[in-house]
Every structure is written in C-alpha cells, then in structure tokens.
C-alpha cells in the first residue's frame, strides 16, 4: 500500500449504537490535524437514524445489566443488550432511553 498524499480527506466515523459522522481530516507528512467529532448515540439497528425502532429496542432491554446471561447474546437482528447501555454504566435503564429519546428523529451524515 502506498503512502497518502498531503491533502484534506473526508472521513466517516461511527461506532456501534452511534450515527455516522462525516469530518474532513487534514493529512500531511507531519501527521493528522482537524479531527474533532461528537458521535450521537441511539442508533440501535445501524440504519443511521434514531427513531421509534431504536427506542423500542432500548425499552425492550430495560432492566438488563452486565450480570444477565443475555447481555452479550445477539438478538435475531444481530443487536445485543450491551449496545443499549448508552451511558456505559453497566445496565440499560431510563437514563439510556433518555439519551436515545433526545436524539429521536436525528439522521447521521450521508
């Protein structure tokens, strides 16, 4: 693989449970600059929006925590309850639902 030319590159970032974010990254032989992003949480099904389906999924996981055997077991759609722990405190509860609900109706970058 060759080296990259000094330029500005468009990069898309996301993690499980977040919307896709587009950012421009300036690359030079000295390194990378211009990277600062905030990822929006709540996209449980990976379709790049937060909607009722995502809220329903989180609601269905309400009360589960790291001690539950199904915490890491994929559902039929491939999601796992761990994904719904949006505040990363070890359980899925109202706090996680509030995070997703605040982002309801938001789409990720195309």
C-alpha atoms as a PDB file:
ATOM      1  CA  UNK A   1       0.000   0.000   0.000  1.00  0.00           C
ATOM      2  CA  UNK A   2       1.398   3.398  -0.969  1.00  0.00           C
ATOM      3  CA  UNK A   3       1.631   6.443   1.188  1.00  0.00           C
ATOM      4  CA  UNK A   4      -1.034   9.124   1.277  1.00  0.00           C
ATOM      5  CA  UNK A   5      -0.540  12.437  -0.413  1.00  0.00           C
ATOM      6  CA  UNK A   6      -0.703  15.589   1.691  1.00  0.00           C
ATOM      7  CA  UNK A   7      -4.350  16.598   1.390  1.00  0.00           C
ATOM      8  CA  UNK A   8      -7.677  17.002   3.103  1.00  0.00           C
ATOM      9  CA  UNK A   9      -9.580  13.727   3.276  1.00  0.00           C
ATOM     10  CA  UNK A  10     -13.252  13.181   4.023  1.00  0.00           C
ATOM     11  CA  UNK A  11     -13.622  10.541   6.729  1.00  0.00           C
ATOM     12  CA  UNK A  12     -16.752   8.875   8.118  1.00  0.00           C
ATOM     13  CA  UNK A  13     -16.751   7.715  11.728  1.00  0.00           C
ATOM     14  CA  UNK A  14     -19.196   5.692  13.803  1.00  0.00           C
ATOM     15  CA  UNK A  15     -19.280   3.058  16.478  1.00  0.00           C
ATOM     16  CA  UNK A  16     -21.959   0.556  17.384  1.00  0.00           C
ATOM     17  CA  UNK A  17     -25.024   2.467  18.509  1.00  0.00           C
ATOM     18  CA  UNK A  18     -23.996   5.833  17.054  1.00  0.00           C
ATOM     19  CA  UNK A  19     -24.882   7.770  13.941  1.00  0.00           C
ATOM     20  CA  UNK A  20     -22.329   8.140  11.161  1.00  0.00           C
ATOM     21  CA  UNK A  21     -20.396  11.422  11.344  1.00  0.00           C
ATOM     22  CA  UNK A  22     -18.548  12.962   8.388  1.00  0.00           C
ATOM     23  CA  UNK A  23     -15.471  15.088   9.035  1.00  0.00           C
ATOM     24  CA  UNK A  24     -12.618  16.476   6.996  1.00  0.00           C
ATOM     25  CA  UNK A  25      -9.141  15.442   8.099  1.00  0.00           C
ATOM     26  CA  UNK A  26      -6.021  17.317   7.048  1.00  0.00           C
ATOM     27  CA  UNK A  27      -3.167  14.902   6.438  1.00  0.00           C
ATOM     28  CA  UNK A  28       0.458  15.929   5.963  1.00  0.00           C
ATOM     29  CA  UNK A  29       3.725  14.083   6.363  1.00  0.00           C
ATOM     30  CA  UNK A  30       3.788  15.618   9.861  1.00  0.00           C
ATOM     31  CA  UNK A  31       0.583  13.880  10.871  1.00  0.00           C
ATOM     32  CA  UNK A  32      -3.161  14.477  11.053  1.00  0.00           C
ATOM     33  CA  UNK A  33      -4.971  17.595  12.212  1.00  0.00           C
ATOM     34  CA  UNK A  34      -8.550  18.791  12.171  1.00  0.00           C
ATOM     35  CA  UNK A  35     -10.150  15.795  13.865  1.00  0.00           C
ATOM     36  CA  UNK A  36     -12.790  16.661  16.442  1.00  0.00           C
ATOM     37  CA  UNK A  37     -16.119  14.863  16.380  1.00  0.00           C
ATOM     38  CA  UNK A  38     -19.001  14.106  18.665  1.00  0.00           C
ATOM     39  CA  UNK A  39     -20.860  10.914  17.895  1.00  0.00           C
ATOM     40  CA  UNK A  40     -24.613  10.859  18.517  1.00  0.00           C
ATOM     41  CA  UNK A  41     -25.848   7.781  20.368  1.00  0.00           C
ATOM     42  CA  UNK A  42     -29.099   5.913  19.974  1.00  0.00           C
ATOM     43  CA  UNK A  43     -28.976   4.077  16.621  1.00  0.00           C
ATOM     44  CA  UNK A  44     -29.533   0.525  17.827  1.00  0.00           C
ATOM     45  CA  UNK A  45     -30.294  -1.075  14.461  1.00  0.00           C
ATOM     46  CA  UNK A  46     -27.481   0.519  12.464  1.00  0.00           C
ATOM     47  CA  UNK A  47     -29.684   2.242   9.871  1.00  0.00           C
ATOM     48  CA  UNK A  48     -28.067   5.644  10.537  1.00  0.00           C
ATOM     49  CA  UNK A  49     -31.050   7.276  12.230  1.00  0.00           C
ATOM     50  CA  UNK A  50     -32.548   7.347  15.695  1.00  0.00           C
ATOM     51  CA  UNK A  51     -36.237   6.506  15.504  1.00  0.00           C
ATOM     52  CA  UNK A  52     -39.032   4.576  17.156  1.00  0.00           C
ATOM     53  CA  UNK A  53     -37.455   1.241  16.278  1.00  0.00           C
ATOM     54  CA  UNK A  54     -34.348   2.185  18.248  1.00  0.00           C
ATOM     55  CA  UNK A  55     -36.392   3.440  21.198  1.00  0.00           C
ATOM     56  CA  UNK A  56     -38.448   0.229  21.195  1.00  0.00           C
ATOM     57  CA  UNK A  57     -35.253  -1.832  21.221  1.00  0.00           C
ATOM     58  CA  UNK A  58     -33.858   0.034  24.218  1.00  0.00           C
ATOM     59  CA  UNK A  59     -37.192  -0.228  26.006  1.00  0.00           C
ATOM     60  CA  UNK A  60     -37.163  -3.995  25.425  1.00  0.00           C
ATOM     61  CA  UNK A  61     -33.763  -4.237  27.113  1.00  0.00           C
ATOM     62  CA  UNK A  62     -34.788  -2.113  30.105  1.00  0.00           C
ATOM     63  CA  UNK A  63     -33.514  -3.603  33.344  1.00  0.00           C
ATOM     64  CA  UNK A  64     -30.807  -5.800  31.821  1.00  0.00           C
ATOM     65  CA  UNK A  65     -27.261  -5.441  33.134  1.00  0.00           C
ATOM     66  CA  UNK A  66     -23.802  -6.955  32.864  1.00  0.00           C
ATOM     67  CA  UNK A  67     -24.772  -9.781  35.220  1.00  0.00           C
ATOM     68  CA  UNK A  68     -27.551 -11.033  32.930  1.00  0.00           C
ATOM     69  CA  UNK A  69     -26.598 -14.045  30.759  1.00  0.00           C
ATOM     70  CA  UNK A  70     -28.160 -12.440  27.652  1.00  0.00           C
ATOM     71  CA  UNK A  71     -26.089  -9.224  27.982  1.00  0.00           C
ATOM     72  CA  UNK A  72     -23.726 -10.366  25.191  1.00  0.00           C
ATOM     73  CA  UNK A  73     -26.120 -12.658  23.268  1.00  0.00           C
ATOM     74  CA  UNK A  74     -27.220 -11.340  19.841  1.00  0.00           C
ATOM     75  CA  UNK A  75     -30.936 -10.983  19.116  1.00  0.00           C
ATOM     76  CA  UNK A  76     -32.362 -12.158  15.781  1.00  0.00           C
ATOM     77  CA  UNK A  77     -31.405  -8.795  14.232  1.00  0.00           C
ATOM     78  CA  UNK A  78     -27.800  -9.048  15.479  1.00  0.00           C
ATOM     79  CA  UNK A  79     -28.099  -6.435  18.213  1.00  0.00           C
ATOM     80  CA  UNK A  80     -27.108  -7.185  21.792  1.00  0.00           C
ATOM     81  CA  UNK A  81     -28.336  -5.550  25.003  1.00  0.00           C
ATOM     82  CA  UNK A  82     -24.861  -4.138  25.678  1.00  0.00           C
ATOM     83  CA  UNK A  83     -25.443  -1.772  22.728  1.00  0.00           C
ATOM     84  CA  UNK A  84     -28.328  -0.171  24.591  1.00  0.00           C
ATOM     85  CA  UNK A  85     -26.144   0.853  27.529  1.00  0.00           C
ATOM     86  CA  UNK A  86     -25.631   4.313  26.038  1.00  0.00           C
ATOM     87  CA  UNK A  87     -24.173   5.859  29.184  1.00  0.00           C
ATOM     88  CA  UNK A  88     -21.868   2.861  29.717  1.00  0.00           C
ATOM     89  CA  UNK A  89     -22.792   2.367  33.369  1.00  0.00           C
ATOM     90  CA  UNK A  90     -23.359  -1.392  33.080  1.00  0.00           C
ATOM     91  CA  UNK A  91     -27.116  -1.524  32.587  1.00  0.00           C
ATOM     92  CA  UNK A  92     -29.933  -0.487  30.278  1.00  0.00           C
ATOM     93  CA  UNK A  93     -32.327   1.807  32.094  1.00  0.00           C
ATOM     94  CA  UNK A  94     -34.281   5.053  31.807  1.00  0.00           C
ATOM     95  CA  UNK A  95     -31.054   7.077  31.557  1.00  0.00           C
ATOM     96  CA  UNK A  96     -30.180   5.260  28.328  1.00  0.00           C
ATOM     97  CA  UNK A  97     -33.687   5.723  26.956  1.00  0.00           C
ATOM     98  CA  UNK A  98     -33.475   9.476  27.704  1.00  0.00           C
ATOM     99  CA  UNK A  99     -30.237   9.718  25.681  1.00  0.00           C
ATOM    100  CA  UNK A 100     -31.806   7.996  22.677  1.00  0.00           C
ATOM    101  CA  UNK A 101     -35.089   9.896  23.009  1.00  0.00           C
ATOM    102  CA  UNK A 102     -33.209  13.214  22.946  1.00  0.00           C
ATOM    103  CA  UNK A 103     -31.796  12.163  19.554  1.00  0.00           C
ATOM    104  CA  UNK A 104     -35.072  10.790  18.188  1.00  0.00           C
ATOM    105  CA  UNK A 105     -35.588  11.993  14.620  1.00  0.00           C
ATOM    106  CA  UNK A 106     -31.890  12.684  14.009  1.00  0.00           C
ATOM    107  CA  UNK A 107     -30.163  11.192  10.960  1.00  0.00           C
ATOM    108  CA  UNK A 108     -26.463  10.526  10.579  1.00  0.00           C
ATOM    109  CA  UNK A 109     -24.340  12.032   7.803  1.00  0.00           C
ATOM    110  CA  UNK A 110     -24.743  10.563   4.333  1.00  0.00           C
END
